[in-house]
Amino acid sequence: MRRIWEDDSGQSLSEYSIILGIAAVIAIGAMALIGSKLAPIFNNIADSLSD
């Protein structure tokens, strides 16, 4: 039982997964907050390039 308790071979993968999940939530939240403000800018750029 002690060997199983002290085995930390998958620990780093779990930590990286948690960090990646938190980063994804932050990125999605940021896009949701500023996405509507950036859409007109990108539309203007696309219109300028298509002319």
PDB file of N, CA and C in Angstrom:
ATOM      1  N   MET A   1       0.832  -1.191   0.000  1.00  0.00           N
ATOM      2  CA  MET A   1       0.000   0.000   0.000  1.00  0.00           C
ATOM      3  C   MET A   1       0.876   1.253   0.000  1.00  0.00           C
ATOM      4  N   ARG A   2       1.973   1.195   0.721  1.00  0.00           N
ATOM      5  CA  ARG A   2       2.860   2.357   0.807  1.00  0.00           C
ATOM      6  C   ARG A   2       3.461   2.686  -0.564  1.00  0.00           C
ATOM      7  N   ARG A   3       3.788   1.663  -1.341  1.00  0.00           N
ATOM      8  CA  ARG A   3       4.362   1.865  -2.670  1.00  0.00           C
ATOM      9  C   ARG A   3       3.363   2.591  -3.582  1.00  0.00           C
ATOM     10  N   ILE A   4       2.108   2.219  -3.506  1.00  0.00           N
ATOM     11  CA  ILE A   4       1.079   2.866  -4.315  1.00  0.00           C
ATOM     12  C   ILE A   4       0.892   4.317  -3.878  1.00  0.00           C
ATOM     13  N   TRP A   5       0.910   4.575  -2.594  1.00  0.00           N
ATOM     14  CA  TRP A   5       0.707   5.930  -2.058  1.00  0.00           C
ATOM     15  C   TRP A   5       1.848   6.864  -2.463  1.00  0.00           C
ATOM     16  N   GLU A   6       3.071   6.357  -2.509  1.00  0.00           N
ATOM     17  CA  GLU A   6       4.232   7.186  -2.812  1.00  0.00           C
ATOM     18  C   GLU A   6       4.546   7.261  -4.306  1.00  0.00           C
ATOM     19  N   ASP A   7       3.834   6.523  -5.133  1.00  0.00           N
ATOM     20  CA  ASP A   7       4.073   6.539  -6.577  1.00  0.00           C
ATOM     21  C   ASP A   7       3.507   7.829  -7.162  1.00  0.00           C
ATOM     22  N   ASP A   8       4.381   8.662  -7.729  1.00  0.00           N
ATOM     23  CA  ASP A   8       3.939   9.929  -8.303  1.00  0.00           C
ATOM     24  C   ASP A   8       4.284  10.027  -9.786  1.00  0.00           C
ATOM     25  N   SER A   9       4.243   8.906 -10.473  1.00  0.00           N
ATOM     26  CA  SER A   9       4.652   8.887 -11.880  1.00  0.00           C
ATOM     27  C   SER A   9       3.701   9.673 -12.780  1.00  0.00           C
ATOM     28  N   GLY A  10       2.439   9.755 -12.478  1.00  0.00           N
ATOM     29  CA  GLY A  10       1.488  10.500 -13.303  1.00  0.00           C
ATOM     30  C   GLY A  10       1.175  11.877 -12.769  1.00  0.00           C
ATOM     31  N   GLN A  11       1.863  12.286 -11.749  1.00  0.00           N
ATOM     32  CA  GLN A  11       1.557  13.550 -11.096  1.00  0.00           C
ATOM     33  C   GLN A  11       1.825  14.737 -12.011  1.00  0.00           C
ATOM     34  N   SER A  12       2.933  14.758 -12.714  1.00  0.00           N
ATOM     35  CA  SER A  12       3.250  15.916 -13.543  1.00  0.00           C
ATOM     36  C   SER A  12       2.255  16.061 -14.692  1.00  0.00           C
ATOM     37  N   LEU A  13       1.805  14.956 -15.256  1.00  0.00           N
ATOM     38  CA  LEU A  13       0.808  15.022 -16.320  1.00  0.00           C
ATOM     39  C   LEU A  13      -0.487  15.638 -15.794  1.00  0.00           C
ATOM     40  N   SER A  14      -0.886  15.277 -14.609  1.00  0.00           N
ATOM     41  CA  SER A  14      -2.096  15.845 -14.016  1.00  0.00           C
ATOM     42  C   SER A  14      -1.934  17.337 -13.775  1.00  0.00           C
ATOM     43  N   GLU A  15      -0.778  17.744 -13.293  1.00  0.00           N
ATOM     44  CA  GLU A  15      -0.537  19.166 -13.026  1.00  0.00           C
ATOM     45  C   GLU A  15      -0.556  19.964 -14.325  1.00  0.00           C
ATOM     46  N   TYR A  16       0.089  19.450 -15.368  1.00  0.00           N
ATOM     47  CA  TYR A  16       0.078  20.145 -16.652  1.00  0.00           C
ATOM     48  C   TYR A  16      -1.330  20.223 -17.221  1.00  0.00           C
ATOM     49  N   SER A  17      -2.120  19.196 -17.033  1.00  0.00           N
ATOM     50  CA  SER A  17      -3.498  19.206 -17.516  1.00  0.00           C
ATOM     51  C   SER A  17      -4.320  20.271 -16.808  1.00  0.00           C
ATOM     52  N   ILE A  18      -4.124  20.395 -15.509  1.00  0.00           N
ATOM     53  CA  ILE A  18      -4.851  21.417 -14.747  1.00  0.00           C
ATOM     54  C   ILE A  18      -4.435  22.810 -15.203  1.00  0.00           C
ATOM     55  N   ILE A  19      -3.137  23.042 -15.384  1.00  0.00           N
ATOM     56  CA  ILE A  19      -2.647  24.348 -15.840  1.00  0.00           C
ATOM     57  C   ILE A  19      -3.194  24.665 -17.229  1.00  0.00           C
ATOM     58  N   LEU A  20      -3.195  23.684 -18.122  1.00  0.00           N
ATOM     59  CA  LEU A  20      -3.728  23.880 -19.464  1.00  0.00           C
ATOM     60  C   LEU A  20      -5.220  24.195 -19.427  1.00  0.00           C
ATOM     61  N   GLY A  21      -5.944  23.535 -18.560  1.00  0.00           N
ATOM     62  CA  GLY A  21      -7.375  23.805 -18.422  1.00  0.00           C
ATOM     63  C   GLY A  21      -7.644  25.211 -17.921  1.00  0.00           C
ATOM     64  N   ILE A  22      -6.866  25.660 -16.948  1.00  0.00           N
ATOM     65  CA  ILE A  22      -7.032  27.018 -16.422  1.00  0.00           C
ATOM     66  C   ILE A  22      -6.697  28.043 -17.493  1.00  0.00           C
ATOM     67  N   ALA A  23      -5.618  27.807 -18.249  1.00  0.00           N
ATOM     68  CA  ALA A  23      -5.246  28.719 -19.324  1.00  0.00           C
ATOM     69  C   ALA A  23      -6.332  28.786 -20.390  1.00  0.00           C
ATOM     70  N   ALA A  24      -6.951  27.660 -20.701  1.00  0.00           N
ATOM     71  CA  ALA A  24      -8.020  27.631 -21.700  1.00  0.00           C
ATOM     72  C   ALA A  24      -9.234  28.421 -21.226  1.00  0.00           C
ATOM     73  N   VAL A  25      -9.587  28.283 -19.967  1.00  0.00           N
ATOM     74  CA  VAL A  25     -10.730  29.025 -19.415  1.00  0.00           C
ATOM     75  C   VAL A  25     -10.457  30.530 -19.455  1.00  0.00           C
ATOM     76  N   ILE A  26      -9.234  30.927 -19.120  1.00  0.00           N
ATOM     77  CA  ILE A  26      -8.871  32.343 -19.153  1.00  0.00           C
ATOM     78  C   ILE A  26      -8.910  32.871 -20.590  1.00  0.00           C
ATOM     79  N   ALA A  27      -8.379  32.092 -21.534  1.00  0.00           N
ATOM     80  CA  ALA A  27      -8.375  32.522 -22.931  1.00  0.00           C
ATOM     81  C   ALA A  27      -9.794  32.655 -23.480  1.00  0.00           C
ATOM     82  N   ILE A  28     -10.652  31.712 -23.165  1.00  0.00           N
ATOM     83  CA  ILE A  28     -12.040  31.773 -23.634  1.00  0.00           C
ATOM     84  C   ILE A  28     -12.756  32.968 -23.016  1.00  0.00           C
ATOM     85  N   GLY A  29     -12.511  33.214 -21.748  1.00  0.00           N
ATOM     86  CA  GLY A  29     -13.117  34.375 -21.095  1.00  0.00           C
ATOM     87  C   GLY A  29     -12.649  35.681 -21.698  1.00  0.00           C
ATOM     88  N   ALA A  30     -11.361  35.780 -21.996  1.00  0.00           N
ATOM     89  CA  ALA A  30     -10.830  37.001 -22.600  1.00  0.00           C
ATOM     90  C   ALA A  30     -11.411  37.214 -23.990  1.00  0.00           C
ATOM     91  N   MET A  31     -11.523  36.146 -24.766  1.00  0.00           N
ATOM     92  CA  MET A  31     -12.101  36.275 -26.100  1.00  0.00           C
ATOM     93  C   MET A  31     -13.570  36.688 -26.026  1.00  0.00           C
ATOM     94  N   ALA A  32     -14.273  36.180 -25.045  1.00  0.00           N
ATOM     95  CA  ALA A  32     -15.682  36.538 -24.908  1.00  0.00           C
ATOM     96  C   ALA A  32     -15.836  38.019 -24.532  1.00  0.00           C
ATOM     97  N   LEU A  33     -14.918  38.521 -23.718  1.00  0.00           N
ATOM     98  CA  LEU A  33     -15.014  39.914 -23.284  1.00  0.00           C
ATOM     99  C   LEU A  33     -14.609  40.907 -24.370  1.00  0.00           C
ATOM    100  N   ILE A  34     -13.545  40.616 -25.089  1.00  0.00           N
ATOM    101  CA  ILE A  34     -13.064  41.593 -26.069  1.00  0.00           C
ATOM    102  C   ILE A  34     -13.343  41.188 -27.507  1.00  0.00           C
ATOM    103  N   GLY A  35     -13.936  40.051 -27.707  1.00  0.00           N
ATOM    104  CA  GLY A  35     -14.209  39.584 -29.067  1.00  0.00           C
ATOM    105  C   GLY A  35     -15.158  40.480 -29.827  1.00  0.00           C
ATOM    106  N   SER A  36     -16.187  40.967 -29.166  1.00  0.00           N
ATOM    107  CA  SER A  36     -17.159  41.820 -29.854  1.00  0.00           C
ATOM    108  C   SER A  36     -16.557  43.168 -30.226  1.00  0.00           C
ATOM    109  N   LYS A  37     -15.543  43.605 -29.488  1.00  0.00           N
ATOM    110  CA  LYS A  37     -14.884  44.879 -29.803  1.00  0.00           C
ATOM    111  C   LYS A  37     -13.882  44.715 -30.942  1.00  0.00           C
ATOM    112  N   LEU A  38     -13.330  43.520 -31.095  1.00  0.00           N
ATOM    113  CA  LEU A  38     -12.351  43.285 -32.149  1.00  0.00           C
ATOM    114  C   LEU A  38     -12.978  42.930 -33.489  1.00  0.00           C
ATOM    115  N   ALA A  39     -14.194  42.451 -33.490  1.00  0.00           N
ATOM    116  CA  ALA A  39     -14.842  42.016 -34.729  1.00  0.00           C
ATOM    117  C   ALA A  39     -14.913  43.138 -35.764  1.00  0.00           C
ATOM    118  N   PRO A  40     -15.334  44.356 -35.423  1.00  0.00           N
ATOM    119  CA  PRO A  40     -15.370  45.421 -36.445  1.00  0.00           C
ATOM    120  C   PRO A  40     -13.983  45.749 -37.012  1.00  0.00           C
ATOM    121  N   ILE A  41     -12.965  45.665 -36.207  1.00  0.00           N
ATOM    122  CA  ILE A  41     -11.606  45.945 -36.673  1.00  0.00           C
ATOM    123  C   ILE A  41     -11.192  44.910 -37.716  1.00  0.00           C
ATOM    124  N   PHE A  42     -11.424  43.633 -37.425  1.00  0.00           N
ATOM    125  CA  PHE A  42     -11.069  42.588 -38.375  1.00  0.00           C
ATOM    126  C   PHE A  42     -11.930  42.657 -39.634  1.00  0.00           C
ATOM    127  N   ASN A  43     -13.178  43.050 -39.495  1.00  0.00           N
ATOM    128  CA  ASN A  43     -14.035  43.209 -40.665  1.00  0.00           C
ATOM    129  C   ASN A  43     -13.526  44.332 -41.565  1.00  0.00           C
ATOM    130  N   ASN A  44     -13.080  45.429 -40.964  1.00  0.00           N
ATOM    131  CA  ASN A  44     -12.529  46.538 -41.756  1.00  0.00           C
ATOM    132  C   ASN A  44     -11.264  46.094 -42.493  1.00  0.00           C
ATOM    133  N   ILE A  45     -10.420  45.336 -41.817  1.00  0.00           N
ATOM    134  CA  ILE A  45      -9.202  44.840 -42.450  1.00  0.00           C
ATOM    135  C   ILE A  45      -9.554  43.917 -43.613  1.00  0.00           C
ATOM    136  N   ALA A  46     -10.503  43.022 -43.403  1.00  0.00           N
ATOM    137  CA  ALA A  46     -10.907  42.087 -44.460  1.00  0.00           C
ATOM    138  C   ALA A  46     -11.508  42.844 -45.644  1.00  0.00           C
ATOM    139  N   ASP A  47     -12.305  43.870 -45.374  1.00  0.00           N
ATOM    140  CA  ASP A  47     -12.885  44.661 -46.458  1.00  0.00           C
ATOM    141  C   ASP A  47     -11.803  45.404 -47.234  1.00  0.00           C
ATOM    142  N   SER A  48     -10.808  45.922 -46.527  1.00  0.00           N
ATOM    143  CA  SER A  48      -9.725  46.646 -47.189  1.00  0.00           C
ATOM    144  C   SER A  48      -8.903  45.719 -48.078  1.00  0.00           C
ATOM    145  N   LEU A  49      -8.701  44.489 -47.621  1.00  0.00           N
ATOM    146  CA  LEU A  49      -7.923  43.542 -48.402  1.00  0.00           C
ATOM    147  C   LEU A  49      -8.668  43.037 -49.617  1.00  0.00           C
ATOM    148  N   SER A  50      -9.981  42.967 -49.527  1.00  0.00           N
ATOM    149  CA  SER A  50     -10.772  42.449 -50.650  1.00  0.00           C
ATOM    150  C   SER A  50     -10.979  43.484 -51.744  1.00  0.00           C
ATOM    151  N   ASP A  51     -10.754  44.763 -51.442  1.00  0.00           N
ATOM    152  CA  ASP A  51     -10.935  45.820 -52.453  1.00  0.00           C
ATOM    153  C   ASP A  51      -9.842  45.873 -53.431  1.00  0.00           C
TER     154      ASP A  51
END
